[in-house]
């Protein structure tokens, strides 16, 4: 971001204390300016359920097809977000995410951009295989969950790099805006890792549900 907040200012903002000290009043003004000018508000959603999700199949960067349940999920999601302020939408260009984004945008007059950069993790030769096979191959590799990279695929470390590049790219243009991101479980986990400075192994542990809403500030 183009501006940083010092630990003292963050502590002041969290304390909620009031003081007549000029220095504290100055800090108050700075922190208010920071939150109203520099904060980009992120509304992040995962696509609706696909047949691969329902059958524990590794989807990765295959397009995937929403199930009947998934279709209902995205309609409910669109209604949930109907009255939310959304100024721009970025969606993965994979079909399951595009279908989800198109349902949401019906209630918003806002631009929507489909991007390869926020696709799911590329799982290479393991795409289309049972999830148990992915876990076995990873275990047999001796690599950590964060660093394991399937043949012709990506590691979570690679995906986190993508997430950082994406964040830096949009933050320059959409500072102080409310941005909706429609993406995938693996990418969303690494987005959270990048924004919240959570270690990859810890971020992986959080389950990202289909068609659920998550909020972040960047």
Protein backbone atom coordinates (compact mmCIF):
# COMPACT_ATOMS: atom_id res chain seq x y z
CA UNK A 1 0.00 0.00 0.00
CA UNK A 2 1.03 3.60 -0.40
CA UNK A 3 0.81 4.33 3.31
CA UNK A 4 1.62 2.59 6.55
CA UNK A 5 0.25 2.98 10.05
CA UNK A 6 2.74 2.83 12.88
CA UNK A 7 2.17 0.37 15.77
CA UNK A 8 1.46 3.35 18.09
CA UNK A 9 -1.33 4.55 15.83
CA UNK A 10 -2.79 1.05 15.59
CA UNK A 11 -2.67 0.71 19.38
CA UNK A 12 -4.39 4.07 19.74
CA UNK A 13 -7.12 3.09 17.27
CA UNK A 14 -7.79 -0.14 19.13
CA UNK A 15 -7.76 1.43 22.60
CA UNK A 16 -10.74 3.73 22.00
CA UNK A 17 -9.32 6.18 24.55
CA UNK A 18 -9.86 9.94 24.32
CA UNK A 19 -7.23 12.49 25.28
CA UNK A 20 -6.82 16.24 25.06
CA UNK A 21 -3.12 15.85 24.23
CA UNK A 22 -2.36 17.52 20.87
CA UNK A 23 -0.16 14.59 19.87
CA UNK A 24 -2.94 12.09 20.56
CA UNK A 25 -5.49 14.24 18.74
CA UNK A 26 -3.10 14.34 15.78
CA UNK A 27 -2.79 10.57 15.92
CA UNK A 28 -6.59 10.29 16.00
CA UNK A 29 -6.85 12.40 12.88
CA UNK A 30 -4.23 10.31 11.11
CA UNK A 31 -5.86 7.02 11.98
CA UNK A 32 -9.28 8.28 10.83
CA UNK A 33 -7.74 9.46 7.56
CA UNK A 34 -6.08 6.09 7.12
CA UNK A 35 -9.29 4.13 7.51
CA UNK A 36 -11.38 6.43 5.32
CA UNK A 37 -8.82 7.05 2.57
CA UNK A 38 -6.47 4.11 2.31
CA UNK A 39 -8.43 1.04 3.34
CA UNK A 40 -9.63 -1.17 0.50
CA UNK A 41 -12.57 -3.26 1.65
CA UNK A 42 -12.62 -6.79 0.27
CA UNK A 43 -15.73 -8.95 0.08
CA UNK A 44 -14.51 -12.42 -0.82
CA UNK A 45 -16.68 -15.35 -1.88
CA UNK A 46 -16.04 -18.87 -3.06
CA UNK A 47 -18.06 -20.24 -5.98
CA UNK A 48 -21.06 -22.49 -5.43
CA UNK A 49 -20.73 -26.23 -5.00
CA UNK A 50 -19.62 -28.22 -8.06
CA UNK A 51 -20.03 -31.91 -8.84
CA UNK A 52 -16.30 -32.34 -8.17
CA UNK A 53 -16.70 -30.73 -4.73
CA UNK A 54 -19.60 -33.04 -3.94
CA UNK A 55 -17.61 -36.11 -4.98
CA UNK A 56 -14.23 -35.16 -3.43
CA UNK A 57 -12.52 -34.81 -6.80
CA UNK A 58 -9.54 -32.47 -7.30
CA UNK A 59 -10.79 -29.69 -9.56
CA UNK A 60 -7.88 -27.23 -9.66
CA UNK A 61 -8.01 -25.23 -12.88
CA UNK A 62 -10.63 -27.36 -14.61
CA UNK A 63 -13.83 -25.38 -15.13
CA UNK A 64 -16.19 -27.50 -13.05
CA UNK A 65 -19.98 -27.49 -13.19
CA UNK A 66 -22.31 -26.25 -10.46
CA UNK A 67 -24.66 -28.79 -8.92
CA UNK A 68 -28.33 -28.12 -8.23
CA UNK A 69 -27.28 -27.32 -4.68
CA UNK A 70 -24.57 -25.02 -6.02
CA UNK A 71 -27.11 -23.13 -8.16
CA UNK A 72 -29.31 -22.56 -5.14
CA UNK A 73 -26.28 -21.47 -3.10
CA UNK A 74 -25.32 -18.74 -5.55
CA UNK A 75 -28.90 -17.43 -5.79
CA UNK A 76 -29.02 -17.18 -2.00
CA UNK A 77 -25.57 -15.58 -2.01
CA UNK A 78 -26.67 -12.98 -4.57
CA UNK A 79 -29.63 -12.05 -2.38
CA UNK A 80 -27.36 -11.83 0.67
CA UNK A 81 -25.13 -9.35 -1.17
CA UNK A 82 -27.96 -7.52 -2.92
CA UNK A 83 -27.80 -4.43 -0.72
CA UNK A 84 -24.06 -4.42 -0.11
CA UNK A 85 -22.06 -1.59 -1.59
CA UNK A 86 -19.89 -3.17 -4.31
CA UNK A 87 -17.89 -0.90 -6.60
CA UNK A 88 -16.03 -3.45 -8.71
CA UNK A 89 -16.04 -7.23 -9.10
CA UNK A 90 -13.07 -9.44 -9.90
CA UNK A 91 -13.82 -13.06 -10.70
CA UNK A 92 -11.71 -16.03 -11.61
CA UNK A 93 -12.20 -16.86 -15.28
CA UNK A 94 -13.03 -20.49 -14.48
CA UNK A 95 -16.66 -21.27 -15.28
CA UNK A 96 -17.77 -22.16 -11.75
CA UNK A 97 -16.60 -18.76 -10.51
CA UNK A 98 -17.98 -16.91 -13.54
CA UNK A 99 -21.42 -18.45 -13.00
CA UNK A 100 -21.30 -17.32 -9.37
CA UNK A 101 -20.18 -13.78 -10.25
CA UNK A 102 -22.86 -13.41 -12.94
CA UNK A 103 -25.57 -14.29 -10.44
CA UNK A 104 -24.28 -11.68 -7.98
CA UNK A 105 -23.85 -8.89 -10.54
CA UNK A 106 -27.52 -9.07 -11.53
CA UNK A 107 -28.23 -6.85 -8.52
CA UNK A 108 -25.35 -4.42 -9.05
CA UNK A 109 -24.50 -1.90 -11.74
CA UNK A 110 -20.80 -2.44 -11.42
CA UNK A 111 -17.99 -3.56 -13.74
CA UNK A 112 -16.89 -7.18 -13.60
CA UNK A 113 -13.48 -8.46 -14.68
CA UNK A 114 -12.62 -12.11 -15.27
CA UNK A 115 -9.01 -12.87 -14.40
CA UNK A 116 -6.64 -15.83 -14.71
CA UNK A 117 -4.62 -14.40 -11.82
CA UNK A 118 -7.22 -15.44 -9.24
CA UNK A 119 -7.82 -18.96 -10.47
CA UNK A 120 -7.64 -21.94 -8.14
CA UNK A 121 -4.28 -23.55 -7.46
CA UNK A 122 -3.03 -25.48 -10.48
CA UNK A 123 -2.82 -29.10 -9.35
CA UNK A 124 -1.27 -30.39 -12.56
CA UNK A 125 -1.53 -34.10 -13.29
CA UNK A 126 -3.66 -34.64 -10.17
CA UNK A 127 -6.62 -32.64 -11.47
CA UNK A 128 -9.63 -34.88 -11.96
CA UNK A 129 -8.26 -37.42 -9.47
CA UNK A 130 -9.74 -38.30 -6.03
CA UNK A 131 -8.62 -35.98 -3.24
CA UNK A 132 -7.23 -38.96 -1.32
CA UNK A 133 -4.73 -39.44 -4.15
CA UNK A 134 -3.59 -35.82 -3.83
CA UNK A 135 -3.00 -36.29 -0.09
CA UNK A 136 -1.09 -39.54 -0.67
CA UNK A 137 1.16 -38.10 -3.37
CA UNK A 138 1.90 -35.09 -1.18
CA UNK A 139 2.75 -37.28 1.82
CA UNK A 140 4.98 -39.53 -0.27
CA UNK A 141 6.85 -36.50 -1.63
CA UNK A 142 8.18 -35.61 1.82
CA UNK A 143 7.44 -31.96 1.15
CA UNK A 144 5.45 -29.70 3.45
CA UNK A 145 1.87 -28.84 2.52
CA UNK A 146 2.99 -25.29 1.70
CA UNK A 147 5.86 -26.32 -0.58
CA UNK A 148 4.47 -29.43 -2.25
CA UNK A 149 4.12 -28.84 -5.98
CA UNK A 150 2.40 -31.54 -8.09
CA UNK A 151 3.90 -32.32 -11.49
CA UNK A 152 2.90 -29.50 -13.87
CA UNK A 153 1.21 -27.69 -10.99
CA UNK A 154 1.69 -25.08 -8.27
CA UNK A 155 2.56 -25.10 -4.59
CA UNK A 156 0.69 -22.97 -2.05
CA UNK A 157 3.82 -20.80 -1.96
CA UNK A 158 3.31 -20.15 -5.67
CA UNK A 159 -0.36 -19.31 -5.15
CA UNK A 160 0.45 -16.87 -2.34
CA UNK A 161 2.84 -15.06 -4.71
CA UNK A 162 -0.02 -14.77 -7.20
CA UNK A 163 -2.29 -13.41 -4.47
CA UNK A 164 0.25 -10.75 -3.50
CA UNK A 165 0.71 -9.66 -7.12
CA UNK A 166 -3.06 -9.42 -7.55
CA UNK A 167 -3.49 -7.38 -4.35
CA UNK A 168 -0.73 -4.97 -5.29
CA UNK A 169 -2.22 -4.58 -8.75
CA UNK A 170 -5.74 -3.70 -7.63
CA UNK A 171 -4.76 -1.66 -4.56
CA UNK A 172 -3.17 1.00 -6.76
CA UNK A 173 -6.45 1.64 -8.57
CA UNK A 174 -9.11 0.75 -6.00
CA UNK A 175 -7.83 2.28 -2.76
CA UNK A 176 -10.76 3.13 -0.47
CA UNK A 177 -13.15 1.10 -2.68
CA UNK A 178 -15.28 -1.92 -1.86
CA UNK A 179 -14.13 -4.81 -4.02
CA UNK A 180 -15.86 -8.16 -4.50
CA UNK A 181 -13.62 -11.12 -5.32
CA UNK A 182 -15.11 -14.39 -6.56
CA UNK A 183 -12.55 -17.15 -6.40
CA UNK A 184 -11.65 -20.58 -5.03
CA UNK A 185 -10.75 -22.22 -1.75
CA UNK A 186 -6.99 -22.48 -2.27
CA UNK A 187 -6.62 -18.97 -3.66
CA UNK A 188 -8.80 -17.44 -0.94
CA UNK A 189 -6.69 -19.14 1.74
CA UNK A 190 -3.54 -17.61 0.27
CA UNK A 191 -5.24 -14.23 -0.11
CA UNK A 192 -6.02 -14.32 3.62
CA UNK A 193 -2.45 -15.40 4.34
CA UNK A 194 -1.11 -12.42 2.39
CA UNK A 195 -3.48 -9.81 3.85
CA UNK A 196 -3.48 -11.02 7.47
CA UNK A 197 0.16 -12.13 7.46
CA UNK A 198 -0.84 -15.63 8.51
CA UNK A 199 1.72 -18.42 7.90
CA UNK A 200 0.73 -20.58 4.94
CA UNK A 201 0.42 -23.76 6.99
CA UNK A 202 -1.97 -21.98 9.37
CA UNK A 203 -4.01 -20.37 6.59
CA UNK A 204 -4.50 -23.76 4.93
CA UNK A 205 -6.28 -25.05 8.03
CA UNK A 206 -9.26 -22.69 7.63
CA UNK A 207 -12.10 -24.28 5.71
CA UNK A 208 -13.46 -22.02 2.98
CA UNK A 209 -17.08 -22.96 2.37
CA UNK A 210 -18.86 -22.84 -0.97
CA UNK A 211 -20.80 -19.59 -1.54
CA UNK A 212 -19.82 -18.12 1.82
CA UNK A 213 -18.83 -14.49 2.38
CA UNK A 214 -15.57 -13.38 3.98
CA UNK A 215 -14.52 -9.80 4.72
CA UNK A 216 -11.00 -8.36 4.74
CA UNK A 217 -9.43 -4.89 4.70
CA UNK A 218 -6.21 -4.16 2.84
